[in-house]
Amino acid sequence: MSNAILNRMCNDENDPMLGVKICRNYGDLLSMQTSWSKDNSGRRFWSYLRYRVYACNLFRWRDREDVDIRSKFVILRLAKRIKKLEIDDESHIKRSNKWVMKEKKKIKYCNN
């Protein structure tokens, strides 16, 4: 699951700050994202959209720092579980593709 999808899932539609536009000095908008790090999992922040291009690490926290310990624990376990499922899924797809290619070769060999 991509970070963009996870970010959308973590946004509360009733959040009054969701529609707020935060700009840099040059007028560029900051986008709201969700942190998945061990220390700040589930905590939202605004960051510069093109931070990789311009090496700009400007950000501003949206949520307070006091996320309860249970939520952190659950979020981290769920994120790990999602990652494991994605890896398992990719592995299954690769095995399936290999099998299909093998079967195609058999069919091609039999038809000649």
Protein backbone atom coordinates (compact mmCIF):
# COMPACT_ATOMS: atom_id res chain seq x y z
CA MET A 1 0.00 0.00 0.00
CA SER A 2 1.46 3.33 -0.98
CA ASN A 3 2.10 6.16 1.46
CA ALA A 4 -0.45 8.30 -0.39
CA ILE A 5 -3.19 5.73 0.26
CA LEU A 6 -2.18 5.38 3.91
CA ASN A 7 -2.15 9.18 4.26
CA ARG A 8 -5.69 9.43 2.86
CA MET A 9 -6.88 6.70 5.22
CA CYS A 10 -5.52 8.61 8.22
CA ASN A 11 -7.22 11.89 7.35
CA ASP A 12 -10.39 12.59 9.26
CA GLU A 13 -12.91 14.19 6.89
CA ASN A 14 -14.24 16.34 9.75
CA ASP A 15 -10.78 17.67 10.65
CA PRO A 16 -10.97 21.49 10.40
CA MET A 17 -7.26 21.62 9.53
CA LEU A 18 -7.66 19.33 6.51
CA GLY A 19 -8.57 22.19 4.17
CA VAL A 20 -6.00 24.62 5.58
CA LYS A 21 -3.35 25.67 3.09
CA ILE A 22 0.10 26.16 4.53
CA CYS A 23 2.58 27.87 2.22
CA ARG A 24 6.32 28.31 2.12
CA ASN A 25 7.93 31.69 1.55
CA TYR A 26 7.78 31.18 -2.22
CA GLY A 27 4.07 30.33 -2.17
CA ASP A 28 4.46 26.55 -2.61
CA LEU A 29 1.88 24.50 -0.72
CA LEU A 30 2.80 21.94 1.91
CA SER A 31 1.00 18.59 1.77
CA MET A 32 -0.39 16.74 4.79
CA GLN A 33 1.22 13.34 5.34
CA THR A 34 1.31 10.68 8.02
CA SER A 35 4.46 9.55 9.79
CA TRP A 36 5.05 5.78 9.96
CA SER A 37 8.28 5.97 11.97
CA LYS A 38 8.57 4.02 15.21
CA ASP A 39 8.50 7.14 17.38
CA ASN A 40 5.73 9.05 15.55
CA SER A 41 3.55 6.41 13.90
CA GLY A 42 0.14 7.77 12.96
CA ARG A 43 1.14 11.36 13.69
CA ARG A 44 0.33 13.75 10.84
CA PHE A 45 2.47 16.57 9.52
CA TRP A 46 2.75 18.99 6.63
CA SER A 47 5.80 18.76 4.39
CA TYR A 48 7.08 20.32 1.21
CA LEU A 49 5.81 18.45 -1.87
CA ARG A 50 9.13 18.56 -3.72
CA TYR A 51 11.42 17.97 -0.76
CA ARG A 52 13.40 15.28 -2.62
CA VAL A 53 14.04 17.52 -5.61
CA TYR A 54 15.17 20.56 -3.64
CA ALA A 55 16.44 18.76 -0.52
CA CYS A 56 14.05 20.87 1.55
CA ASN A 57 13.22 19.25 4.87
CA LEU A 58 10.72 21.87 6.04
CA PHE A 59 7.76 20.35 7.85
CA ARG A 60 5.23 21.26 10.52
CA TRP A 61 3.50 18.81 12.86
CA ARG A 62 -0.30 18.68 12.61
CA ASP A 63 -0.94 16.40 15.58
CA ARG A 64 0.24 16.85 19.13
CA GLU A 65 3.09 14.71 20.37
CA ASP A 66 1.10 12.85 23.01
CA VAL A 67 -0.16 9.82 21.08
CA ASP A 68 -1.15 7.11 23.54
CA ILE A 69 1.18 4.12 23.84
CA ARG A 70 -1.48 1.57 22.88
CA SER A 71 -2.21 3.38 19.61
CA LYS A 72 1.49 3.49 18.75
CA PHE A 73 1.79 -0.24 19.44
CA VAL A 74 -1.27 -1.14 17.34
CA ILE A 75 -0.30 1.14 14.44
CA LEU A 76 3.23 -0.29 14.30
CA ARG A 77 1.95 -3.89 14.34
CA LEU A 78 -0.60 -3.14 11.62
CA ALA A 79 2.01 -1.38 9.46
CA LYS A 80 4.35 -4.39 9.81
CA ARG A 81 1.51 -6.76 8.95
CA ILE A 82 0.63 -4.73 5.84
CA LYS A 83 4.27 -4.72 4.73
CA LYS A 84 4.51 -8.50 5.21
CA LEU A 85 1.32 -9.06 3.21
CA GLU A 86 2.64 -6.85 0.40
CA ILE A 87 5.90 -8.82 0.29
CA ASP A 88 4.03 -12.15 0.34
CA ASP A 89 1.73 -10.91 -2.43
CA GLU A 90 4.66 -9.83 -4.61
CA SER A 91 6.36 -13.18 -4.05
CA HIS A 92 3.17 -15.04 -4.99
CA ILE A 93 2.79 -13.00 -8.18
CA LYS A 94 6.40 -13.73 -9.18
CA ARG A 95 5.89 -17.47 -8.60
CA SER A 96 2.65 -17.39 -10.57
CA ASN A 97 4.31 -15.57 -13.46
CA LYS A 98 7.13 -18.13 -13.55
CA TRP A 99 4.59 -20.95 -13.60
CA VAL A 100 2.62 -19.31 -16.45
CA MET A 101 5.80 -18.85 -18.51
CA LYS A 102 6.75 -22.47 -17.91
CA GLU A 103 3.30 -23.65 -19.04
CA LYS A 104 3.47 -21.44 -22.15
CA LYS A 105 6.79 -23.05 -23.08
CA LYS A 106 5.26 -26.51 -22.64
CA ILE A 107 2.31 -25.60 -24.86
CA LYS A 108 4.60 -24.08 -27.48
CA TYR A 109 6.80 -27.20 -27.43
CA CYS A 110 3.77 -29.50 -27.78
CA ASN A 111 2.36 -27.50 -30.71
CA ASN A 112 5.60 -27.73 -32.73
